[in-house]
PDB file of N, CA and C in Angstrom:
ATOM      1  N   MET A   1      98.207 114.260 130.581  1.00  0.00           N
ATOM      2  CA  MET A   1      97.430 113.129 130.114  1.00  0.00           C
ATOM      3  C   MET A   1      97.221 112.151 131.277  1.00  0.00           C
ATOM      4  N   ALA A   2      96.047 111.613 131.344  1.00  0.00           N
ATOM      5  CA  ALA A   2      95.722 110.677 132.416  1.00  0.00           C
ATOM      6  C   ALA A   2      96.474 109.368 132.249  1.00  0.00           C
ATOM      7  N   LYS A   3      96.848 108.781 133.358  1.00  0.00           N
ATOM      8  CA  LYS A   3      97.500 107.473 133.348  1.00  0.00           C
ATOM      9  C   LYS A   3      96.461 106.433 133.736  1.00  0.00           C
ATOM     10  N   TYR A   4      96.277 105.477 132.884  1.00  0.00           N
ATOM     11  CA  TYR A   4      95.309 104.418 133.131  1.00  0.00           C
ATOM     12  C   TYR A   4      96.042 103.168 133.587  1.00  0.00           C
ATOM     13  N   GLU A   5      95.497 102.549 134.614  1.00  0.00           N
ATOM     14  CA  GLU A   5      96.078 101.334 135.154  1.00  0.00           C
ATOM     15  C   GLU A   5      95.496 100.086 134.507  1.00  0.00           C
ATOM     16  N   ARG A   6      94.240 100.179 134.045  1.00  0.00           N
ATOM     17  CA  ARG A   6      93.540  99.021 133.478  1.00  0.00           C
ATOM     18  C   ARG A   6      92.895  99.423 132.157  1.00  0.00           C
ATOM     19  N   PHE A   7      92.874  98.507 131.203  1.00  0.00           N
ATOM     20  CA  PHE A   7      92.248  98.835 129.920  1.00  0.00           C
ATOM     21  C   PHE A   7      90.757  99.087 130.085  1.00  0.00           C
ATOM     22  N   GLU A   8      90.146  98.484 131.113  1.00  0.00           N
ATOM     23  CA  GLU A   8      88.713  98.689 131.357  1.00  0.00           C
ATOM     24  C   GLU A   8      88.377 100.146 131.679  1.00  0.00           C
ATOM     25  N   ASP A   9      89.377 100.925 132.072  1.00  0.00           N
ATOM     26  CA  ASP A   9      89.163 102.335 132.395  1.00  0.00           C
ATOM     27  C   ASP A   9      89.293 103.246 131.169  1.00  0.00           C
ATOM     28  N   LEU A  10      89.780 102.705 130.074  1.00  0.00           N
ATOM     29  CA  LEU A  10      89.957 103.516 128.861  1.00  0.00           C
ATOM     30  C   LEU A  10      88.591 103.847 128.245  1.00  0.00           C
ATOM     31  N   PRO A  11      88.292 105.132 128.037  1.00  0.00           N
ATOM     32  CA  PRO A  11      87.018 105.494 127.404  1.00  0.00           C
ATOM     33  C   PRO A  11      86.834 104.846 126.032  1.00  0.00           C
ATOM     34  N   VAL A  12      87.888 104.713 125.276  1.00  0.00           N
ATOM     35  CA  VAL A  12      87.768 104.115 123.939  1.00  0.00           C
ATOM     36  C   VAL A  12      87.396 102.635 124.031  1.00  0.00           C
ATOM     37  N   TRP A  13      87.939 101.938 125.016  1.00  0.00           N
ATOM     38  CA  TRP A  13      87.579 100.527 125.205  1.00  0.00           C
ATOM     39  C   TRP A  13      86.122 100.406 125.628  1.00  0.00           C
ATOM     40  N   ARG A  14      85.690 101.273 126.527  1.00  0.00           N
ATOM     41  CA  ARG A  14      84.289 101.248 126.974  1.00  0.00           C
ATOM     42  C   ARG A  14      83.329 101.487 125.805  1.00  0.00           C
ATOM     43  N   HIS A  15      83.691 102.415 124.945  1.00  0.00           N
ATOM     44  CA  HIS A  15      82.859 102.690 123.770  1.00  0.00           C
ATOM     45  C   HIS A  15      82.836 101.475 122.835  1.00  0.00           C
ATOM     46  N   ALA A  16      83.986 100.844 122.663  1.00  0.00           N
ATOM     47  CA  ALA A  16      84.055  99.653 121.810  1.00  0.00           C
ATOM     48  C   ALA A  16      83.186  98.531 122.363  1.00  0.00           C
ATOM     49  N   ILE A  17      83.127  98.400 123.673  1.00  0.00           N
ATOM     50  CA  ILE A  17      82.273  97.382 124.289  1.00  0.00           C
ATOM     51  C   ILE A  17      80.808  97.683 123.991  1.00  0.00           C
ATOM     52  N   LYS A  18      80.423  98.949 124.075  1.00  0.00           N
ATOM     53  CA  LYS A  18      79.043  99.333 123.757  1.00  0.00           C
ATOM     54  C   LYS A  18      78.698  98.977 122.314  1.00  0.00           C
ATOM     55  N   ILE A  19      79.642  99.189 121.422  1.00  0.00           N
ATOM     56  CA  ILE A  19      79.435  98.829 120.012  1.00  0.00           C
ATOM     57  C   ILE A  19      79.235  97.320 119.904  1.00  0.00           C
ATOM     58  N   GLY A  20      80.083  96.555 120.576  1.00  0.00           N
ATOM     59  CA  GLY A  20      79.965  95.098 120.533  1.00  0.00           C
ATOM     60  C   GLY A  20      78.620  94.612 121.039  1.00  0.00           C
ATOM     61  N   VAL A  21      78.155  95.177 122.133  1.00  0.00           N
ATOM     62  CA  VAL A  21      76.854  94.790 122.692  1.00  0.00           C
ATOM     63  C   VAL A  21      75.747  95.115 121.701  1.00  0.00           C
ATOM     64  N   ARG A  22      75.826  96.279 121.095  1.00  0.00           N
ATOM     65  CA  ARG A  22      74.796  96.684 120.128  1.00  0.00           C
ATOM     66  C   ARG A  22      74.812  95.769 118.900  1.00  0.00           C
ATOM     67  N   ILE A  23      75.978  95.351 118.463  1.00  0.00           N
ATOM     68  CA  ILE A  23      76.079  94.453 117.311  1.00  0.00           C
ATOM     69  C   ILE A  23      75.492  93.090 117.658  1.00  0.00           C
ATOM     70  N   TYR A  24      75.741  92.601 118.867  1.00  0.00           N
ATOM     71  CA  TYR A  24      75.111  91.344 119.291  1.00  0.00           C
ATOM     72  C   TYR A  24      73.593  91.464 119.226  1.00  0.00           C
ATOM     73  N   GLN A  25      73.058  92.590 119.655  1.00  0.00           N
ATOM     74  CA  GLN A  25      71.607  92.815 119.596  1.00  0.00           C
ATOM     75  C   GLN A  25      71.126  92.842 118.148  1.00  0.00           C
ATOM     76  N   LEU A  26      71.861  93.531 117.297  1.00  0.00           N
ATOM     77  CA  LEU A  26      71.505  93.600 115.878  1.00  0.00           C
ATOM     78  C   LEU A  26      71.543  92.215 115.238  1.00  0.00           C
ATOM     79  N   ALA A  27      72.526  91.425 115.614  1.00  0.00           N
ATOM     80  CA  ALA A  27      72.680  90.086 115.030  1.00  0.00           C
ATOM     81  C   ALA A  27      71.509  89.180 115.365  1.00  0.00           C
ATOM     82  N   GLU A  28      70.813  89.480 116.429  1.00  0.00           N
ATOM     83  CA  GLU A  28      69.648  88.686 116.805  1.00  0.00           C
ATOM     84  C   GLU A  28      68.356  89.194 116.164  1.00  0.00           C
ATOM     85  N   SER A  29      68.460  90.242 115.375  1.00  0.00           N
ATOM     86  CA  SER A  29      67.263  90.787 114.736  1.00  0.00           C
ATOM     87  C   SER A  29      66.717  89.806 113.702  1.00  0.00           C
ATOM     88  N   GLU A  30      65.467  89.989 113.377  1.00  0.00           N
ATOM     89  CA  GLU A  30      64.795  89.093 112.434  1.00  0.00           C
ATOM     90  C   GLU A  30      65.523  89.038 111.090  1.00  0.00           C
ATOM     91  N   ARG A  31      66.018  90.177 110.661  1.00  0.00           N
ATOM     92  CA  ARG A  31      66.679  90.254 109.354  1.00  0.00           C
ATOM     93  C   ARG A  31      67.936  89.385 109.276  1.00  0.00           C
ATOM     94  N   LEU A  32      68.651  89.274 110.377  1.00  0.00           N
ATOM     95  CA  LEU A  32      69.906  88.510 110.381  1.00  0.00           C
ATOM     96  C   LEU A  32      69.790  87.167 111.096  1.00  0.00           C
ATOM     97  N   ALA A  33      68.620  86.854 111.586  1.00  0.00           N
ATOM     98  CA  ALA A  33      68.446  85.659 112.420  1.00  0.00           C
ATOM     99  C   ALA A  33      68.983  84.386 111.775  1.00  0.00           C
ATOM    100  N   LYS A  34      68.810  84.235 110.477  1.00  0.00           N
ATOM    101  CA  LYS A  34      69.247  82.991 109.820  1.00  0.00           C
ATOM    102  C   LYS A  34      70.430  83.182 108.880  1.00  0.00           C
ATOM    103  N   ASP A  35      70.961  84.381 108.849  1.00  0.00           N
ATOM    104  CA  ASP A  35      72.138  84.642 108.017  1.00  0.00           C
ATOM    105  C   ASP A  35      73.369  84.476 108.907  1.00  0.00           C
ATOM    106  N   TYR A  36      73.726  83.215 109.150  1.00  0.00           N
ATOM    107  CA  TYR A  36      74.782  82.897 110.109  1.00  0.00           C
ATOM    108  C   TYR A  36      76.136  83.469 109.719  1.00  0.00           C
ATOM    109  N   CYS A  37      76.428  83.484 108.451  1.00  0.00           N
ATOM    110  CA  CYS A  37      77.711  84.026 107.991  1.00  0.00           C
ATOM    111  C   CYS A  37      77.790  85.526 108.289  1.00  0.00           C
ATOM    112  N   ALA A  38      76.726  86.243 107.978  1.00  0.00           N
ATOM    113  CA  ALA A  38      76.696  87.683 108.235  1.00  0.00           C
ATOM    114  C   ALA A  38      76.818  87.965 109.727  1.00  0.00           C
ATOM    115  N   LYS A  39      76.086  87.199 110.536  1.00  0.00           N
ATOM    116  CA  LYS A  39      76.146  87.372 111.984  1.00  0.00           C
ATOM    117  C   LYS A  39      77.559  87.165 112.496  1.00  0.00           C
ATOM    118  N   ASP A  40      78.192  86.094 112.052  1.00  0.00           N
ATOM    119  CA  ASP A  40      79.551  85.800 112.499  1.00  0.00           C
ATOM    120  C   ASP A  40      80.524  86.902 112.108  1.00  0.00           C
ATOM    121  N   GLN A  41      80.393  87.411 110.897  1.00  0.00           N
ATOM    122  CA  GLN A  41      81.287  88.476 110.442  1.00  0.00           C
ATOM    123  C   GLN A  41      81.081  89.755 111.243  1.00  0.00           C
ATOM    124  N   LEU A  42      79.838  90.135 111.443  1.00  0.00           N
ATOM    125  CA  LEU A  42      79.540  91.343 112.210  1.00  0.00           C
ATOM    126  C   LEU A  42      80.065  91.238 113.632  1.00  0.00           C
ATOM    127  N   ILE A  43      79.748  90.145 114.283  1.00  0.00           N
ATOM    128  CA  ILE A  43      80.177  89.960 115.668  1.00  0.00           C
ATOM    129  C   ILE A  43      81.697  89.887 115.755  1.00  0.00           C
ATOM    130  N   GLY A  44      82.313  89.156 114.841  1.00  0.00           N
ATOM    131  CA  GLY A  44      83.773  89.024 114.859  1.00  0.00           C
ATOM    132  C   GLY A  44      84.485  90.351 114.729  1.00  0.00           C
ATOM    133  N   SER A  45      84.064  91.169 113.773  1.00  0.00           N
ATOM    134  CA  SER A  45      84.735  92.462 113.611  1.00  0.00           C
ATOM    135  C   SER A  45      84.421  93.397 114.770  1.00  0.00           C
ATOM    136  N   ALA A  46      83.206  93.323 115.311  1.00  0.00           N
ATOM    137  CA  ALA A  46      82.835  94.197 116.432  1.00  0.00           C
ATOM    138  C   ALA A  46      83.648  93.889 117.687  1.00  0.00           C
ATOM    139  N   ILE A  47      83.753  92.612 118.041  1.00  0.00           N
ATOM    140  CA  ILE A  47      84.491  92.293 119.269  1.00  0.00           C
ATOM    141  C   ILE A  47      86.001  92.413 119.079  1.00  0.00           C
ATOM    142  N   SER A  48      86.436  92.370 117.837  1.00  0.00           N
ATOM    143  CA  SER A  48      87.856  92.558 117.558  1.00  0.00           C
ATOM    144  C   SER A  48      88.322  93.959 117.943  1.00  0.00           C
ATOM    145  N   ILE A  49      87.431  94.923 117.878  1.00  0.00           N
ATOM    146  CA  ILE A  49      87.801  96.304 118.221  1.00  0.00           C
ATOM    147  C   ILE A  49      88.237  96.369 119.684  1.00  0.00           C
ATOM    148  N   SER A  50      87.361  95.968 120.594  1.00  0.00           N
ATOM    149  CA  SER A  50      87.702  96.047 122.028  1.00  0.00           C
ATOM    150  C   SER A  50      88.822  95.078 122.395  1.00  0.00           C
ATOM    151  N   ASN A  51      88.846  93.907 121.765  1.00  0.00           N
ATOM    152  CA  ASN A  51      89.901  92.935 122.078  1.00  0.00           C
ATOM    153  C   ASN A  51      91.283  93.460 121.719  1.00  0.00           C
ATOM    154  N   ASN A  52      91.406  94.119 120.586  1.00  0.00           N
ATOM    155  CA  ASN A  52      92.711  94.658 120.189  1.00  0.00           C
ATOM    156  C   ASN A  52      93.142  95.825 121.065  1.00  0.00           C
ATOM    157  N   ILE A  53      92.191  96.644 121.488  1.00  0.00           N
ATOM    158  CA  ILE A  53      92.526  97.725 122.421  1.00  0.00           C
ATOM    159  C   ILE A  53      93.063  97.125 123.716  1.00  0.00           C
ATOM    160  N   ALA A  54      92.375  96.123 124.232  1.00  0.00           N
ATOM    161  CA  ALA A  54      92.799  95.483 125.482  1.00  0.00           C
ATOM    162  C   ALA A  54      94.162  94.809 125.324  1.00  0.00           C
ATOM    163  N   GLU A  55      94.336  94.062 124.247  1.00  0.00           N
ATOM    164  CA  GLU A  55      95.605  93.349 124.060  1.00  0.00           C
ATOM    165  C   GLU A  55      96.772  94.318 123.941  1.00  0.00           C
ATOM    166  N   GLY A  56      96.600  95.357 123.146  1.00  0.00           N
ATOM    167  CA  GLY A  56      97.676  96.336 122.997  1.00  0.00           C
ATOM    168  C   GLY A  56      98.024  97.031 124.296  1.00  0.00           C
ATOM    169  N   PHE A  57      97.027  97.346 125.081  1.00  0.00           N
ATOM    170  CA  PHE A  57      97.243  97.998 126.373  1.00  0.00           C
ATOM    171  C   PHE A  57      98.091  97.122 127.291  1.00  0.00           C
ATOM    172  N   LYS A  58      97.821  95.828 127.290  1.00  0.00           N
ATOM    173  CA  LYS A  58      98.510  94.915 128.194  1.00  0.00           C
ATOM    174  C   LYS A  58      99.988  94.712 127.856  1.00  0.00           C
ATOM    175  N   TYR A  59     100.414  95.071 126.657  1.00  0.00           N
ATOM    176  CA  TYR A  59     101.841  94.969 126.331  1.00  0.00           C
ATOM    177  C   TYR A  59     102.658  96.005 127.088  1.00  0.00           C
ATOM    178  N   ASN A  60     101.983  97.064 127.568  1.00  0.00           N
ATOM    179  CA  ASN A  60     102.632  98.075 128.395  1.00  0.00           C
ATOM    180  C   ASN A  60     103.754  98.814 127.664  1.00  0.00           C
ATOM    181  N   GLN A  61     103.629  98.920 126.362  1.00  0.00           N
ATOM    182  CA  GLN A  61     104.603  99.652 125.544  1.00  0.00           C
ATOM    183  C   GLN A  61     103.828 100.497 124.541  1.00  0.00           C
ATOM    184  N   ASN A  62     104.157 101.779 124.482  1.00  0.00           N
ATOM    185  CA  ASN A  62     103.419 102.678 123.590  1.00  0.00           C
ATOM    186  C   ASN A  62     103.435 102.211 122.144  1.00  0.00           C
ATOM    187  N   ARG A  63     104.559 101.749 121.699  1.00  0.00           N
ATOM    188  CA  ARG A  63     104.683 101.320 120.298  1.00  0.00           C
ATOM    189  C   ARG A  63     103.740 100.162 119.983  1.00  0.00           C
ATOM    190  N   GLN A  64     103.705  99.175 120.851  1.00  0.00           N
ATOM    191  CA  GLN A  64     102.810  98.028 120.674  1.00  0.00           C
ATOM    192  C   GLN A  64     101.352  98.459 120.780  1.00  0.00           C
ATOM    193  N   PHE A  65     101.069  99.336 121.737  1.00  0.00           N
ATOM    194  CA  PHE A  65      99.696  99.798 121.929  1.00  0.00           C
ATOM    195  C   PHE A  65      99.205 100.524 120.679  1.00  0.00           C
ATOM    196  N   ILE A  66     100.041 101.371 120.127  1.00  0.00           N
ATOM    197  CA  ILE A  66      99.674 102.088 118.900  1.00  0.00           C
ATOM    198  C   ILE A  66      99.401 101.103 117.771  1.00  0.00           C
ATOM    199  N   ARG A  67     100.209 100.089 117.655  1.00  0.00           N
ATOM    200  CA  ARG A  67     100.006  99.064 116.610  1.00  0.00           C
ATOM    201  C   ARG A  67      98.644  98.391 116.776  1.00  0.00           C
ATOM    202  N   PHE A  68      98.293  98.025 117.994  1.00  0.00           N
ATOM    203  CA  PHE A  68      97.012  97.365 118.218  1.00  0.00           C
ATOM    204  C   PHE A  68      95.837  98.331 118.062  1.00  0.00           C
ATOM    205  N   LEU A  69      96.050  99.613 118.355  1.00  0.00           N
ATOM    206  CA  LEU A  69      95.006 100.599 118.084  1.00  0.00           C
ATOM    207  C   LEU A  69      94.756 100.720 116.578  1.00  0.00           C
ATOM    208  N   GLU A  70      95.820 100.605 115.798  1.00  0.00           N
ATOM    209  CA  GLU A  70      95.665 100.623 114.335  1.00  0.00           C
ATOM    210  C   GLU A  70      94.867  99.410 113.862  1.00  0.00           C
ATOM    211  N   ILE A  71      95.123  98.262 114.451  1.00  0.00           N
ATOM    212  CA  ILE A  71      94.370  97.051 114.101  1.00  0.00           C
ATOM    213  C   ILE A  71      92.905  97.219 114.498  1.00  0.00           C
ATOM    214  N   ALA A  72      92.662  97.780 115.688  1.00  0.00           N
ATOM    215  CA  ALA A  72      91.286  98.033 116.135  1.00  0.00           C
ATOM    216  C   ALA A  72      90.585  98.989 115.176  1.00  0.00           C
ATOM    217  N   LYS A  73      91.303  99.984 114.708  1.00  0.00           N
ATOM    218  CA  LYS A  73      90.730 100.935 113.741  1.00  0.00           C
ATOM    219  C   LYS A  73      90.360 100.214 112.450  1.00  0.00           C
ATOM    220  N   GLY A  74      91.200  99.291 112.027  1.00  0.00           N
ATOM    221  CA  GLY A  74      90.888  98.497 110.840  1.00  0.00           C
ATOM    222  C   GLY A  74      89.640  97.655 111.039  1.00  0.00           C
ATOM    223  N   SER A  75      89.492  97.076 112.221  1.00  0.00           N
ATOM    224  CA  SER A  75      88.287  96.297 112.522  1.00  0.00           C
ATOM    225  C   SER A  75      87.049  97.189 112.528  1.00  0.00           C
ATOM    226  N   ALA A  76      87.195  98.407 113.012  1.00  0.00           N
ATOM    227  CA  ALA A  76      86.069  99.344 113.001  1.00  0.00           C
ATOM    228  C   ALA A  76      85.665  99.677 111.568  1.00  0.00           C
ATOM    229  N   GLY A  77      86.647  99.840 110.690  1.00  0.00           N
ATOM    230  CA  GLY A  77      86.343 100.080 109.282  1.00  0.00           C
ATOM    231  C   GLY A  77      85.659  98.890 108.643  1.00  0.00           C
ATOM    232  N   GLU A  78      86.120  97.702 108.974  1.00  0.00           N
ATOM    233  CA  GLU A  78      85.503  96.480 108.468  1.00  0.00           C
ATOM    234  C   GLU A  78      84.042  96.392 108.927  1.00  0.00           C
ATOM    235  N   LEU A  79      83.807  96.670 110.189  1.00  0.00           N
ATOM    236  CA  LEU A  79      82.447  96.637 110.720  1.00  0.00           C
ATOM    237  C   LEU A  79      81.566  97.670 110.024  1.00  0.00           C
ATOM    238  N   ARG A  80      82.095  98.855 109.850  1.00  0.00           N
ATOM    239  CA  ARG A  80      81.342  99.915 109.174  1.00  0.00           C
ATOM    240  C   ARG A  80      80.945  99.513 107.757  1.00  0.00           C
ATOM    241  N   SER A  81      81.855  98.912 107.060  1.00  0.00           N
ATOM    242  CA  SER A  81      81.579  98.445 105.702  1.00  0.00           C
ATOM    243  C   SER A  81      80.481  97.373 105.706  1.00  0.00           C
ATOM    244  N   GLN A  82      80.576  96.445 106.630  1.00  0.00           N
ATOM    245  CA  GLN A  82      79.568  95.394 106.728  1.00  0.00           C
ATOM    246  C   GLN A  82      78.200  95.983 107.052  1.00  0.00           C
ATOM    247  N   LEU A  83      78.166  96.961 107.920  1.00  0.00           N
ATOM    248  CA  LEU A  83      76.887  97.583 108.283  1.00  0.00           C
ATOM    249  C   LEU A  83      76.244  98.283 107.101  1.00  0.00           C
ATOM    250  N   PHE A  84      77.048  98.869 106.232  1.00  0.00           N
ATOM    251  CA  PHE A  84      76.507  99.480 105.015  1.00  0.00           C
ATOM    252  C   PHE A  84      75.825  98.423 104.165  1.00  0.00           C
ATOM    253  N   CYS A  85      76.451  97.275 104.043  1.00  0.00           N
ATOM    254  CA  CYS A  85      75.885  96.192 103.236  1.00  0.00           C
ATOM    255  C   CYS A  85      74.575  95.682 103.807  1.00  0.00           C
ATOM    256  N   TYR A  86      74.504  95.529 105.107  1.00  0.00           N
ATOM    257  CA  TYR A  86      73.336  94.932 105.740  1.00  0.00           C
ATOM    258  C   TYR A  86      72.235  95.935 106.015  1.00  0.00           C
ATOM    259  N   SER A  87      72.545  97.220 105.885  1.00  0.00           N
ATOM    260  CA  SER A  87      71.516  98.231 106.163  1.00  0.00           C
ATOM    261  C   SER A  87      70.654  98.530 104.952  1.00  0.00           C
ATOM    262  N   LYS A  88      71.007  98.033 103.818  1.00  0.00           N
ATOM    263  CA  LYS A  88      70.241  98.313 102.584  1.00  0.00           C
ATOM    264  C   LYS A  88      69.159  97.306 102.356  1.00  0.00           C
TER     265      LYS A  88
END
């Protein structure tokens, strides 16, 4: 298994950042432009994914990292649920 020195090198973190950028773009769409609550929720859950991956990595302990990956997974589920609501 590869040893990563920085969380920025983790493929999962990079993917989470791409999701966050895409959600920011979606939040600026005409459909969500004035729905401030929806925008805040979408952006909050999206950036929580990469933030939790980064925070867990920095603890430098597998047990803590796994815990924060679980939290990031929960944020991804929250985001997915919100996207279902806003896509209809």
